[in-house]
N, C-alpha and C. Protein backbone atom coordinates (compact mmCIF):
# COMPACT_ATOMS: atom_id res chain seq x y z
N UNK A 1 0.84 -1.19 0.00
CA UNK A 1 0.00 0.00 0.00
C UNK A 1 0.88 1.25 0.00
N UNK A 2 0.58 2.21 -0.87
CA UNK A 2 1.36 3.44 -0.93
C UNK A 2 1.13 4.27 0.32
N UNK A 3 2.05 5.22 0.55
CA UNK A 3 1.94 6.07 1.73
C UNK A 3 0.66 6.90 1.69
N UNK A 4 0.32 7.43 0.51
CA UNK A 4 -0.89 8.24 0.39
C UNK A 4 -2.14 7.40 0.63
N UNK A 5 -2.12 6.14 0.14
CA UNK A 5 -3.26 5.25 0.35
C UNK A 5 -3.40 4.90 1.82
N UNK A 6 -2.27 4.74 2.51
CA UNK A 6 -2.30 4.43 3.94
C UNK A 6 -2.87 5.60 4.73
N UNK A 7 -2.47 6.82 4.36
CA UNK A 7 -3.00 8.01 5.04
C UNK A 7 -4.50 8.12 4.84
N UNK A 8 -4.95 7.83 3.61
CA UNK A 8 -6.38 7.89 3.31
C UNK A 8 -7.15 6.87 4.13
N UNK A 9 -6.58 5.67 4.29
CA UNK A 9 -7.24 4.60 5.06
C UNK A 9 -7.38 4.99 6.52
N UNK A 10 -6.36 5.66 7.08
CA UNK A 10 -6.35 6.01 8.50
C UNK A 10 -7.06 7.32 8.82
N UNK A 11 -7.52 8.01 7.79
CA UNK A 11 -8.15 9.32 8.02
C UNK A 11 -9.47 9.16 8.76
N UNK A 12 -9.71 10.07 9.68
CA UNK A 12 -10.94 10.05 10.46
C UNK A 12 -12.12 10.41 9.56
N UNK A 13 -13.20 9.66 9.68
CA UNK A 13 -14.39 9.88 8.84
C UNK A 13 -15.52 10.50 9.66
N UNK A 14 -16.39 11.21 8.96
CA UNK A 14 -17.53 11.85 9.61
C UNK A 14 -18.81 11.54 8.82
N UNK A 15 -19.33 10.33 8.98
CA UNK A 15 -20.55 9.94 8.25
C UNK A 15 -21.70 10.89 8.55
N UNK A 16 -22.39 11.32 7.51
CA UNK A 16 -23.53 12.20 7.68
C UNK A 16 -23.19 13.67 7.76
N UNK A 17 -21.91 14.00 7.85
CA UNK A 17 -21.49 15.41 7.89
C UNK A 17 -20.97 15.78 6.51
N UNK A 18 -21.65 16.69 5.86
CA UNK A 18 -21.28 17.06 4.49
C UNK A 18 -20.57 18.40 4.44
N UNK A 19 -19.46 18.43 3.75
CA UNK A 19 -18.73 19.69 3.57
C UNK A 19 -19.54 20.61 2.66
N UNK A 20 -19.39 21.93 2.81
CA UNK A 20 -20.11 22.88 1.95
C UNK A 20 -19.78 22.64 0.48
N UNK A 21 -20.76 22.85 -0.36
CA UNK A 21 -20.54 22.73 -1.80
C UNK A 21 -19.73 23.94 -2.28
N UNK A 22 -18.62 23.71 -2.98
CA UNK A 22 -17.80 24.85 -3.45
C UNK A 22 -18.57 25.74 -4.41
N UNK A 23 -18.37 27.04 -4.31
CA UNK A 23 -18.99 27.96 -5.27
C UNK A 23 -18.46 27.71 -6.67
N UNK A 24 -17.18 27.37 -6.75
CA UNK A 24 -16.56 27.03 -8.03
C UNK A 24 -16.36 25.51 -8.03
N UNK A 25 -17.21 24.82 -8.78
CA UNK A 25 -17.13 23.36 -8.78
C UNK A 25 -15.81 22.87 -9.38
N UNK A 26 -15.48 21.63 -9.11
CA UNK A 26 -14.25 21.06 -9.66
C UNK A 26 -14.28 21.09 -11.18
N UNK A 27 -15.44 20.83 -11.75
CA UNK A 27 -15.57 20.82 -13.20
C UNK A 27 -15.30 22.22 -13.76
N UNK A 28 -15.91 23.23 -13.12
CA UNK A 28 -15.71 24.60 -13.59
C UNK A 28 -14.26 25.05 -13.39
N UNK A 29 -13.66 24.63 -12.29
CA UNK A 29 -12.27 25.01 -12.04
C UNK A 29 -11.33 24.38 -13.08
N UNK A 30 -11.64 23.16 -13.48
CA UNK A 30 -10.81 22.50 -14.50
C UNK A 30 -10.93 23.21 -15.85
N UNK A 31 -12.03 23.91 -16.08
CA UNK A 31 -12.21 24.62 -17.35
C UNK A 31 -11.44 25.95 -17.39
N UNK A 32 -11.01 26.43 -16.23
CA UNK A 32 -10.30 27.69 -16.19
C UNK A 32 -8.90 27.54 -16.77
N UNK A 33 -8.41 28.62 -17.34
CA UNK A 33 -7.05 28.62 -17.88
C UNK A 33 -6.05 28.73 -16.74
N UNK A 34 -4.79 28.45 -17.05
CA UNK A 34 -3.74 28.58 -16.04
C UNK A 34 -3.68 30.02 -15.53
N UNK A 35 -3.88 30.98 -16.43
CA UNK A 35 -3.86 32.40 -16.03
C UNK A 35 -5.01 32.72 -15.09
N UNK A 36 -6.19 32.19 -15.35
CA UNK A 36 -7.33 32.45 -14.48
C UNK A 36 -7.11 31.85 -13.09
N UNK A 37 -6.49 30.69 -13.02
CA UNK A 37 -6.18 30.09 -11.72
C UNK A 37 -5.17 30.94 -10.96
N UNK A 38 -4.19 31.48 -11.69
CA UNK A 38 -3.22 32.38 -11.08
C UNK A 38 -3.91 33.62 -10.53
N UNK A 39 -4.88 34.12 -11.29
CA UNK A 39 -5.60 35.32 -10.87
C UNK A 39 -6.38 35.08 -9.57
N UNK A 40 -6.94 33.89 -9.41
CA UNK A 40 -7.65 33.58 -8.17
C UNK A 40 -6.69 33.64 -6.98
N UNK A 41 -5.50 33.13 -7.16
CA UNK A 41 -4.50 33.20 -6.08
C UNK A 41 -4.06 34.64 -5.83
N UNK A 42 -3.90 35.41 -6.91
CA UNK A 42 -3.51 36.80 -6.76
C UNK A 42 -4.61 37.61 -6.07
N UNK A 43 -5.85 37.30 -6.39
CA UNK A 43 -6.97 37.98 -5.75
C UNK A 43 -7.01 37.68 -4.26
N UNK A 44 -6.73 36.44 -3.88
CA UNK A 44 -6.70 36.10 -2.46
C UNK A 44 -5.64 36.92 -1.73
N UNK A 45 -4.45 37.01 -2.33
CA UNK A 45 -3.38 37.80 -1.72
C UNK A 45 -3.78 39.26 -1.60
N UNK A 46 -4.48 39.78 -2.62
CA UNK A 46 -4.92 41.17 -2.59
C UNK A 46 -6.00 41.38 -1.52
N UNK A 47 -6.91 40.41 -1.39
CA UNK A 47 -7.98 40.55 -0.41
C UNK A 47 -7.42 40.53 1.01
N UNK A 48 -6.34 39.81 1.23
CA UNK A 48 -5.73 39.77 2.56
C UNK A 48 -5.07 41.10 2.90
N UNK A 49 -4.85 41.93 1.88
CA UNK A 49 -4.30 43.27 2.11
C UNK A 49 -5.41 44.32 2.21
N UNK A 50 -6.59 43.98 1.69
CA UNK A 50 -7.74 44.87 1.79
C UNK A 50 -7.87 45.82 0.61
N UNK A 51 -9.07 46.38 0.48
CA UNK A 51 -9.31 47.41 -0.52
C UNK A 51 -10.07 46.98 -1.74
N UNK A 52 -10.25 45.67 -1.95
CA UNK A 52 -10.95 45.23 -3.17
C UNK A 52 -12.45 45.46 -3.08
N UNK A 53 -12.99 45.50 -1.87
CA UNK A 53 -14.43 45.63 -1.72
C UNK A 53 -15.00 46.88 -2.34
N UNK A 54 -14.19 47.93 -2.44
CA UNK A 54 -14.68 49.20 -2.99
C UNK A 54 -14.40 49.36 -4.48
N UNK A 55 -13.69 48.42 -5.08
CA UNK A 55 -13.31 48.53 -6.49
C UNK A 55 -14.38 47.94 -7.40
N UNK A 56 -14.42 48.44 -8.63
CA UNK A 56 -15.29 47.86 -9.65
C UNK A 56 -14.56 46.69 -10.30
N UNK A 57 -15.29 45.93 -11.09
CA UNK A 57 -14.68 44.81 -11.80
C UNK A 57 -13.57 45.32 -12.73
N UNK A 58 -13.82 46.45 -13.39
CA UNK A 58 -12.82 47.01 -14.30
C UNK A 58 -11.56 47.43 -13.54
N UNK A 59 -11.73 47.99 -12.37
CA UNK A 59 -10.58 48.41 -11.56
C UNK A 59 -9.79 47.21 -11.06
N UNK A 60 -10.49 46.13 -10.73
CA UNK A 60 -9.80 44.91 -10.30
C UNK A 60 -8.99 44.34 -11.46
N UNK A 61 -9.58 44.34 -12.64
CA UNK A 61 -8.87 43.83 -13.82
C UNK A 61 -7.61 44.67 -14.07
N UNK A 62 -7.74 45.99 -13.92
CA UNK A 62 -6.58 46.86 -14.12
C UNK A 62 -5.51 46.59 -13.07
N UNK A 63 -5.93 46.39 -11.83
CA UNK A 63 -4.99 46.11 -10.74
C UNK A 63 -4.21 44.82 -11.00
N UNK A 64 -4.91 43.82 -11.53
CA UNK A 64 -4.28 42.52 -11.76
C UNK A 64 -3.58 42.43 -13.12
N UNK A 65 -3.80 43.42 -13.96
CA UNK A 65 -3.18 43.39 -15.28
C UNK A 65 -3.77 42.35 -16.20
N UNK A 66 -5.09 42.23 -16.16
CA UNK A 66 -5.77 41.27 -17.04
C UNK A 66 -6.98 41.95 -17.67
N UNK A 67 -7.63 41.26 -18.56
CA UNK A 67 -8.81 41.81 -19.22
C UNK A 67 -10.06 41.53 -18.40
N UNK A 68 -11.07 42.38 -18.63
CA UNK A 68 -12.36 42.14 -17.98
C UNK A 68 -12.93 40.79 -18.40
N UNK A 69 -12.73 40.45 -19.66
CA UNK A 69 -13.25 39.19 -20.18
C UNK A 69 -12.66 38.01 -19.40
N UNK A 70 -11.38 38.11 -19.05
CA UNK A 70 -10.74 37.03 -18.29
C UNK A 70 -11.39 36.87 -16.92
N UNK A 71 -11.69 37.99 -16.27
CA UNK A 71 -12.33 37.92 -14.95
C UNK A 71 -13.75 37.40 -15.06
N UNK A 72 -14.47 37.89 -16.07
CA UNK A 72 -15.85 37.42 -16.21
C UNK A 72 -15.91 35.94 -16.61
N UNK A 73 -14.80 35.42 -17.10
CA UNK A 73 -14.74 33.99 -17.37
C UNK A 73 -14.66 33.16 -16.10
N UNK A 74 -14.33 33.82 -14.99
CA UNK A 74 -14.28 33.14 -13.69
C UNK A 74 -15.62 33.27 -12.96
N UNK A 75 -16.18 34.47 -12.96
CA UNK A 75 -17.44 34.72 -12.25
C UNK A 75 -18.19 35.85 -12.96
N UNK A 76 -19.53 35.84 -12.90
CA UNK A 76 -20.32 36.82 -13.64
C UNK A 76 -20.44 38.19 -12.99
N UNK A 77 -19.93 38.36 -11.75
CA UNK A 77 -20.01 39.67 -11.10
C UNK A 77 -18.87 39.80 -10.10
N UNK A 78 -18.65 41.05 -9.66
CA UNK A 78 -17.57 41.28 -8.70
C UNK A 78 -17.84 40.55 -7.39
N UNK A 79 -19.08 40.63 -6.90
CA UNK A 79 -19.39 39.97 -5.63
C UNK A 79 -19.14 38.47 -5.73
N UNK A 80 -19.59 37.84 -6.81
CA UNK A 80 -19.39 36.39 -6.95
C UNK A 80 -17.92 36.05 -7.11
N UNK A 81 -17.17 36.93 -7.74
CA UNK A 81 -15.74 36.70 -7.90
C UNK A 81 -15.05 36.70 -6.54
N UNK A 82 -15.32 37.72 -5.72
CA UNK A 82 -14.69 37.81 -4.41
C UNK A 82 -15.15 36.69 -3.49
N UNK A 83 -16.42 36.33 -3.57
CA UNK A 83 -16.93 35.22 -2.75
C UNK A 83 -16.25 33.91 -3.15
N UNK A 84 -16.02 33.74 -4.43
CA UNK A 84 -15.35 32.53 -4.92
C UNK A 84 -13.94 32.44 -4.37
N UNK A 85 -13.25 33.58 -4.34
CA UNK A 85 -11.88 33.61 -3.80
C UNK A 85 -11.88 33.20 -2.33
N UNK A 86 -12.79 33.77 -1.56
CA UNK A 86 -12.85 33.45 -0.13
C UNK A 86 -13.28 32.01 0.09
N UNK A 87 -14.24 31.55 -0.69
CA UNK A 87 -14.73 30.18 -0.56
C UNK A 87 -13.61 29.17 -0.84
N UNK A 88 -12.79 29.43 -1.86
CA UNK A 88 -11.65 28.53 -2.16
C UNK A 88 -10.69 28.49 -0.98
N UNK A 89 -10.45 29.65 -0.38
CA UNK A 89 -9.54 29.72 0.77
C UNK A 89 -10.09 28.91 1.94
N UNK A 90 -11.37 29.09 2.24
CA UNK A 90 -11.98 28.38 3.37
C UNK A 90 -12.02 26.88 3.12
N UNK A 91 -12.29 26.47 1.89
CA UNK A 91 -12.28 25.04 1.56
C UNK A 91 -10.87 24.46 1.72
N UNK A 92 -9.87 25.21 1.30
CA UNK A 92 -8.49 24.72 1.41
C UNK A 92 -8.10 24.53 2.88
N UNK A 93 -8.45 25.50 3.70
CA UNK A 93 -8.14 25.41 5.13
C UNK A 93 -8.93 24.27 5.76
N UNK A 94 -10.20 24.14 5.36
CA UNK A 94 -11.04 23.07 5.91
C UNK A 94 -10.52 21.69 5.56
N UNK A 95 -10.07 21.51 4.32
CA UNK A 95 -9.52 20.21 3.93
C UNK A 95 -8.27 19.89 4.73
N UNK A 96 -7.41 20.88 4.92
CA UNK A 96 -6.19 20.66 5.69
C UNK A 96 -6.52 20.29 7.13
N UNK A 97 -7.56 20.91 7.68
CA UNK A 97 -7.96 20.62 9.06
C UNK A 97 -8.44 19.17 9.20
N UNK A 98 -9.23 18.72 8.24
CA UNK A 98 -9.72 17.33 8.28
C UNK A 98 -8.58 16.35 8.04
N UNK A 99 -7.70 16.68 7.13
CA UNK A 99 -6.59 15.79 6.81
C UNK A 99 -5.59 15.66 7.95
N UNK A 100 -5.66 16.58 8.92
CA UNK A 100 -4.76 16.52 10.08
C UNK A 100 -5.22 15.48 11.10
N UNK A 101 -6.40 14.91 10.89
CA UNK A 101 -6.96 13.97 11.85
C UNK A 101 -6.80 12.53 11.36
N UNK A 102 -6.60 11.61 12.31
CA UNK A 102 -6.54 10.20 11.94
C UNK A 102 -7.18 9.35 13.04
N UNK A 103 -7.36 8.10 12.75
CA UNK A 103 -8.11 7.20 13.62
C UNK A 103 -7.38 6.86 14.92
N UNK A 104 -6.11 7.22 15.05
CA UNK A 104 -5.38 6.93 16.29
C UNK A 104 -5.67 7.98 17.37
N UNK A 105 -6.27 9.10 16.98
CA UNK A 105 -6.53 10.18 17.93
C UNK A 105 -7.77 9.90 18.76
N UNK A 106 -7.71 10.24 20.05
CA UNK A 106 -8.92 10.23 20.87
C UNK A 106 -9.77 11.42 20.44
N UNK A 107 -11.10 11.33 20.59
CA UNK A 107 -11.98 12.36 20.06
C UNK A 107 -11.64 13.79 20.47
N UNK A 108 -11.35 14.02 21.76
CA UNK A 108 -11.08 15.39 22.19
C UNK A 108 -9.74 15.89 21.65
N UNK A 109 -8.79 14.99 21.49
CA UNK A 109 -7.50 15.37 20.89
C UNK A 109 -7.71 15.73 19.42
N UNK A 110 -8.56 14.98 18.74
CA UNK A 110 -8.87 15.27 17.35
C UNK A 110 -9.59 16.61 17.23
N UNK A 111 -10.48 16.88 18.17
CA UNK A 111 -11.22 18.15 18.15
C UNK A 111 -10.27 19.32 18.35
N UNK A 112 -9.34 19.18 19.28
CA UNK A 112 -8.36 20.24 19.52
C UNK A 112 -7.54 20.51 18.24
N UNK A 113 -7.05 19.44 17.63
CA UNK A 113 -6.25 19.59 16.40
C UNK A 113 -7.08 20.20 15.28
N UNK A 114 -8.33 19.78 15.19
CA UNK A 114 -9.20 20.30 14.13
C UNK A 114 -9.46 21.79 14.30
N UNK A 115 -9.79 22.20 15.52
CA UNK A 115 -10.08 23.61 15.76
C UNK A 115 -8.86 24.48 15.51
N UNK A 116 -7.70 24.03 15.96
CA UNK A 116 -6.49 24.81 15.74
C UNK A 116 -6.18 24.97 14.26
N UNK A 117 -6.40 23.90 13.48
CA UNK A 117 -6.17 23.97 12.04
C UNK A 117 -7.22 24.84 11.36
N UNK A 118 -8.48 24.71 11.77
CA UNK A 118 -9.55 25.50 11.17
C UNK A 118 -9.39 26.99 11.49
N UNK A 119 -8.84 27.29 12.64
CA UNK A 119 -8.66 28.69 13.03
C UNK A 119 -7.56 29.39 12.23
N UNK A 120 -6.89 28.66 11.35
CA UNK A 120 -5.97 29.31 10.41
C UNK A 120 -6.74 30.32 9.56
N UNK A 121 -8.04 30.12 9.44
CA UNK A 121 -8.86 31.02 8.63
C UNK A 121 -8.97 32.41 9.25
N UNK A 122 -8.62 32.55 10.54
CA UNK A 122 -8.76 33.86 11.19
C UNK A 122 -7.41 34.37 11.70
N UNK A 123 -6.38 34.10 10.94
CA UNK A 123 -5.10 34.74 11.26
C UNK A 123 -5.27 36.26 11.10
N UNK A 124 -4.35 37.07 11.64
CA UNK A 124 -4.53 38.53 11.65
C UNK A 124 -4.94 39.14 10.31
N UNK A 125 -4.35 38.64 9.24
CA UNK A 125 -4.67 39.23 7.94
C UNK A 125 -6.12 38.98 7.53
N UNK A 126 -6.75 37.97 8.16
CA UNK A 126 -8.14 37.68 7.83
C UNK A 126 -9.08 38.79 8.30
N UNK A 127 -8.66 39.56 9.31
CA UNK A 127 -9.49 40.66 9.78
C UNK A 127 -9.68 41.68 8.67
N UNK A 128 -8.62 41.93 7.92
CA UNK A 128 -8.69 42.85 6.78
C UNK A 128 -9.65 42.29 5.73
N UNK A 129 -9.54 41.00 5.47
CA UNK A 129 -10.42 40.36 4.49
C UNK A 129 -11.88 40.45 4.94
N UNK A 130 -12.12 40.26 6.25
CA UNK A 130 -13.49 40.32 6.78
C UNK A 130 -14.08 41.70 6.56
N UNK A 131 -13.26 42.73 6.70
CA UNK A 131 -13.74 44.10 6.49
C UNK A 131 -14.19 44.28 5.04
N UNK A 132 -13.38 43.78 4.11
CA UNK A 132 -13.74 43.84 2.70
C UNK A 132 -15.03 43.07 2.43
N UNK A 133 -15.16 41.91 3.05
CA UNK A 133 -16.32 41.06 2.81
C UNK A 133 -17.62 41.72 3.28
N UNK A 134 -17.49 42.63 4.25
CA UNK A 134 -18.68 43.32 4.73
C UNK A 134 -19.36 44.13 3.64
N UNK A 135 -18.65 44.41 2.55
CA UNK A 135 -19.22 45.17 1.44
C UNK A 135 -19.69 44.28 0.29
N UNK A 136 -19.61 42.98 0.49
CA UNK A 136 -19.95 42.03 -0.56
C UNK A 136 -21.25 41.30 -0.23
N UNK A 137 -22.22 41.37 -1.14
CA UNK A 137 -23.47 40.67 -0.93
C UNK A 137 -23.28 39.16 -0.89
N UNK A 138 -23.90 38.51 0.06
CA UNK A 138 -23.80 37.05 0.17
C UNK A 138 -22.68 36.57 1.06
N UNK A 139 -21.85 37.50 1.58
CA UNK A 139 -20.71 37.10 2.40
C UNK A 139 -21.15 36.47 3.72
N UNK A 140 -22.21 37.03 4.29
CA UNK A 140 -22.71 36.49 5.55
C UNK A 140 -23.16 35.05 5.41
N UNK A 141 -23.87 34.77 4.35
CA UNK A 141 -24.36 33.41 4.11
C UNK A 141 -23.20 32.45 3.88
N UNK A 142 -22.18 32.90 3.16
CA UNK A 142 -21.02 32.05 2.92
C UNK A 142 -20.34 31.68 4.23
N UNK A 143 -20.15 32.65 5.10
CA UNK A 143 -19.53 32.40 6.39
C UNK A 143 -20.35 31.42 7.22
N UNK A 144 -21.68 31.59 7.17
CA UNK A 144 -22.56 30.71 7.93
C UNK A 144 -22.45 29.26 7.47
N UNK A 145 -22.38 29.06 6.16
CA UNK A 145 -22.31 27.70 5.62
C UNK A 145 -21.04 27.00 6.09
N UNK A 146 -19.92 27.70 6.03
CA UNK A 146 -18.66 27.09 6.47
C UNK A 146 -18.65 26.89 7.99
N UNK A 147 -19.22 27.83 8.71
CA UNK A 147 -19.27 27.68 10.17
C UNK A 147 -20.18 26.53 10.57
N UNK A 148 -21.28 26.35 9.86
CA UNK A 148 -22.19 25.23 10.15
C UNK A 148 -21.46 23.89 10.01
N UNK A 149 -20.59 23.79 9.02
CA UNK A 149 -19.82 22.56 8.83
C UNK A 149 -18.85 22.37 9.99
N UNK A 150 -18.17 23.43 10.38
CA UNK A 150 -17.24 23.35 11.51
C UNK A 150 -17.97 22.89 12.76
N UNK A 151 -19.14 23.46 13.01
CA UNK A 151 -19.93 23.08 14.18
C UNK A 151 -20.34 21.61 14.11
N UNK A 152 -20.72 21.13 12.93
CA UNK A 152 -21.13 19.74 12.76
C UNK A 152 -19.98 18.78 13.06
N UNK A 153 -18.79 19.10 12.59
CA UNK A 153 -17.62 18.27 12.87
C UNK A 153 -17.32 18.28 14.37
N UNK A 154 -17.36 19.47 14.97
CA UNK A 154 -17.09 19.59 16.41
C UNK A 154 -18.11 18.79 17.22
N UNK A 155 -19.37 18.85 16.84
CA UNK A 155 -20.38 18.09 17.59
C UNK A 155 -20.16 16.60 17.43
N UNK A 156 -19.81 16.17 16.22
CA UNK A 156 -19.54 14.75 15.98
C UNK A 156 -18.42 14.25 16.91
N UNK A 157 -17.36 15.04 17.03
CA UNK A 157 -16.23 14.64 17.87
C UNK A 157 -16.59 14.70 19.35
N UNK A 158 -17.39 15.67 19.74
CA UNK A 158 -17.84 15.74 21.13
C UNK A 158 -18.73 14.54 21.47
N UNK A 159 -19.60 14.16 20.54
CA UNK A 159 -20.45 12.99 20.76
C UNK A 159 -19.60 11.73 20.93
N UNK A 160 -18.52 11.63 20.14
CA UNK A 160 -17.63 10.48 20.27
C UNK A 160 -16.92 10.50 21.62
N UNK A 161 -16.53 11.70 22.05
CA UNK A 161 -15.85 11.82 23.34
C UNK A 161 -16.76 11.40 24.49
N UNK A 162 -18.04 11.75 24.40
CA UNK A 162 -19.01 11.32 25.41
C UNK A 162 -19.19 9.80 25.36
N UNK A 163 -19.36 9.26 24.17
CA UNK A 163 -19.58 7.83 24.00
C UNK A 163 -18.41 7.01 24.52
N UNK A 164 -17.20 7.52 24.38
CA UNK A 164 -16.00 6.81 24.83
C UNK A 164 -15.66 7.09 26.28
N UNK A 165 -16.44 7.96 26.93
CA UNK A 165 -16.18 8.26 28.33
C UNK A 165 -15.03 9.21 28.55
N UNK A 166 -14.60 9.89 27.50
CA UNK A 166 -13.49 10.84 27.65
C UNK A 166 -13.95 12.10 28.36
N UNK A 167 -15.23 12.46 28.15
CA UNK A 167 -15.84 13.59 28.85
C UNK A 167 -17.22 13.16 29.32
N UNK A 168 -17.80 13.86 30.33
CA UNK A 168 -19.14 13.51 30.79
C UNK A 168 -20.20 13.92 29.77
N UNK A 169 -21.41 13.45 29.96
CA UNK A 169 -22.50 13.84 29.07
C UNK A 169 -22.74 15.34 29.17
N UNK A 170 -22.76 15.99 28.03
CA UNK A 170 -22.99 17.44 27.97
C UNK A 170 -23.90 17.73 26.79
N UNK A 171 -24.36 18.96 26.71
CA UNK A 171 -25.14 19.40 25.55
C UNK A 171 -24.15 19.66 24.42
N UNK A 172 -23.82 18.61 23.67
CA UNK A 172 -22.78 18.72 22.65
C UNK A 172 -23.14 19.72 21.55
N UNK A 173 -24.42 19.85 21.24
CA UNK A 173 -24.82 20.81 20.20
C UNK A 173 -24.47 22.23 20.61
N UNK A 174 -24.74 22.57 21.88
CA UNK A 174 -24.46 23.92 22.35
C UNK A 174 -22.97 24.19 22.46
N UNK A 175 -22.23 23.21 22.98
CA UNK A 175 -20.78 23.39 23.11
C UNK A 175 -20.15 23.53 21.72
N UNK A 176 -20.58 22.71 20.78
CA UNK A 176 -20.05 22.79 19.42
C UNK A 176 -20.37 24.13 18.78
N UNK A 177 -21.55 24.66 19.06
CA UNK A 177 -21.94 25.96 18.52
C UNK A 177 -21.00 27.06 19.03
N UNK A 178 -20.68 27.01 20.31
CA UNK A 178 -19.76 28.00 20.88
C UNK A 178 -18.37 27.87 20.27
N UNK A 179 -17.86 26.63 20.23
CA UNK A 179 -16.52 26.40 19.68
C UNK A 179 -16.44 26.81 18.21
N UNK A 180 -17.48 26.52 17.46
CA UNK A 180 -17.48 26.82 16.04
C UNK A 180 -17.56 28.29 15.71
N UNK A 181 -18.05 29.09 16.65
CA UNK A 181 -18.21 30.51 16.39
C UNK A 181 -17.10 31.40 16.94
N UNK A 182 -16.15 30.80 17.65
CA UNK A 182 -15.10 31.62 18.28
C UNK A 182 -14.24 32.35 17.25
N UNK A 183 -13.83 31.66 16.21
CA UNK A 183 -12.98 32.28 15.20
C UNK A 183 -13.65 33.47 14.56
N UNK A 184 -14.90 33.27 14.13
CA UNK A 184 -15.64 34.38 13.49
C UNK A 184 -15.80 35.55 14.45
N UNK A 185 -16.13 35.27 15.70
CA UNK A 185 -16.37 36.33 16.66
C UNK A 185 -15.12 37.19 16.88
N UNK A 186 -13.97 36.54 17.04
CA UNK A 186 -12.77 37.31 17.34
C UNK A 186 -12.09 37.87 16.09
N UNK A 187 -12.60 37.50 14.92
CA UNK A 187 -12.10 38.09 13.68
C UNK A 187 -12.89 39.33 13.29
N UNK A 188 -14.00 39.59 13.99
CA UNK A 188 -14.76 40.82 13.72
C UNK A 188 -13.86 42.01 14.04
N UNK A 189 -13.71 42.95 13.10
CA UNK A 189 -12.77 44.06 13.29
C UNK A 189 -12.91 44.77 14.62
N UNK A 190 -14.16 45.03 15.06
CA UNK A 190 -14.35 45.78 16.30
C UNK A 190 -13.95 44.96 17.53
N UNK A 191 -14.05 43.63 17.42
CA UNK A 191 -13.65 42.76 18.53
C UNK A 191 -12.13 42.53 18.50
N UNK A 192 -11.59 42.35 17.29
CA UNK A 192 -10.15 42.13 17.15
C UNK A 192 -9.34 43.28 17.74
N UNK A 193 -9.89 44.49 17.68
CA UNK A 193 -9.18 45.65 18.23
C UNK A 193 -9.08 45.60 19.75
N UNK A 194 -10.02 44.91 20.39
CA UNK A 194 -10.05 44.85 21.85
C UNK A 194 -9.19 43.73 22.42
N UNK A 195 -9.04 42.65 21.67
CA UNK A 195 -8.30 41.48 22.16
C UNK A 195 -6.81 41.75 22.21
N UNK A 196 -6.15 41.15 23.20
CA UNK A 196 -4.70 41.34 23.34
C UNK A 196 -3.92 40.51 22.31
N UNK A 197 -4.48 39.36 21.93
CA UNK A 197 -3.81 38.48 20.98
C UNK A 197 -4.54 38.50 19.64
N UNK A 198 -4.01 37.76 18.66
CA UNK A 198 -4.65 37.68 17.35
C UNK A 198 -5.94 36.87 17.45
N UNK A 199 -6.84 37.00 16.46
CA UNK A 199 -8.08 36.21 16.49
C UNK A 199 -7.81 34.72 16.62
N UNK A 200 -6.83 34.20 15.87
CA UNK A 200 -6.52 32.78 15.97
C UNK A 200 -6.03 32.40 17.36
N UNK A 201 -5.10 33.18 17.89
CA UNK A 201 -4.55 32.87 19.21
C UNK A 201 -5.64 32.92 20.28
N UNK A 202 -6.52 33.91 20.18
CA UNK A 202 -7.60 34.04 21.16
C UNK A 202 -8.58 32.89 21.04
N UNK A 203 -8.97 32.56 19.81
CA UNK A 203 -9.91 31.44 19.61
C UNK A 203 -9.30 30.13 20.09
N UNK A 204 -8.02 29.91 19.79
CA UNK A 204 -7.34 28.69 20.25
C UNK A 204 -7.31 28.62 21.77
N UNK A 205 -7.00 29.74 22.41
CA UNK A 205 -6.89 29.77 23.87
C UNK A 205 -8.23 29.49 24.54
N UNK A 206 -9.30 30.10 24.05
CA UNK A 206 -10.61 29.90 24.66
C UNK A 206 -11.12 28.49 24.37
N UNK A 207 -10.83 27.98 23.18
CA UNK A 207 -11.20 26.59 22.87
C UNK A 207 -10.54 25.64 23.86
N UNK A 208 -9.28 25.89 24.15
CA UNK A 208 -8.55 25.03 25.08
C UNK A 208 -9.14 25.11 26.49
N UNK A 209 -9.55 26.30 26.92
CA UNK A 209 -10.19 26.45 28.22
C UNK A 209 -11.47 25.61 28.30
N UNK A 210 -12.25 25.64 27.22
CA UNK A 210 -13.49 24.87 27.19
C UNK A 210 -13.21 23.38 27.21
N UNK A 211 -12.24 22.93 26.43
CA UNK A 211 -11.91 21.50 26.39
C UNK A 211 -11.36 21.03 27.73
N UNK A 212 -10.51 21.83 28.34
CA UNK A 212 -9.97 21.45 29.65
C UNK A 212 -11.08 21.42 30.70
N UNK A 213 -12.04 22.32 30.57
CA UNK A 213 -13.18 22.32 31.49
C UNK A 213 -14.00 21.05 31.36
N UNK A 214 -14.18 20.57 30.14
CA UNK A 214 -14.92 19.33 29.93
C UNK A 214 -14.18 18.15 30.55
N UNK A 215 -12.87 18.12 30.39
CA UNK A 215 -12.06 17.04 30.96
C UNK A 215 -12.10 17.09 32.48
N UNK A 216 -12.11 18.30 33.04
CA UNK A 216 -12.09 18.44 34.50
C UNK A 216 -13.38 17.92 35.15
N UNK A 217 -14.47 17.88 34.37
CA UNK A 217 -15.75 17.41 34.92
C UNK A 217 -15.90 15.89 34.83
N UNK A 218 -14.91 15.25 34.22
CA UNK A 218 -15.02 13.80 33.99
C UNK A 218 -15.13 13.07 35.32
């Protein structure tokens, strides 16, 4: 068995938990040119610096040094283009978070690793991106869809932890809801300004307090 096949075999599974459907399907992404794929990466880097939310599609094309036609070949509007960029980023981070888990981990250890990996989405530069997204229609719904998936994975792992006796019986739905929303909450620009640490560091720290609290009640 190859190393990649072995990793796939040992990967932790979540039956019944479905990842969000990508805004840019695999089929549509395969139809894009190499230049268009490069532009998606360039757009992500630009969004992490801020300022795209106020630009028109023509201004974005000028900034990237491409034609309007090339951009419209990716998405039919500026809002959909920017949402696609953010959605690709969140899917990439989400896949990495799931791939960090394997069947040798106890449920709460897997949950800790998953949350820390998922919170990569709210590193300091993400606060700038969140500000830009506030000007984009549909951004709130996109965030909700990805957060719902995070909460579902967290609840699944909490349920396993209860079943295995790693933690006492708790309202896993409520705990998962809190854990799943920490990153978004501390990435809000007005909240990020108040916290002493970065959104990721703060979310990781509070997640750990909650997990240690569950263990202490065992």
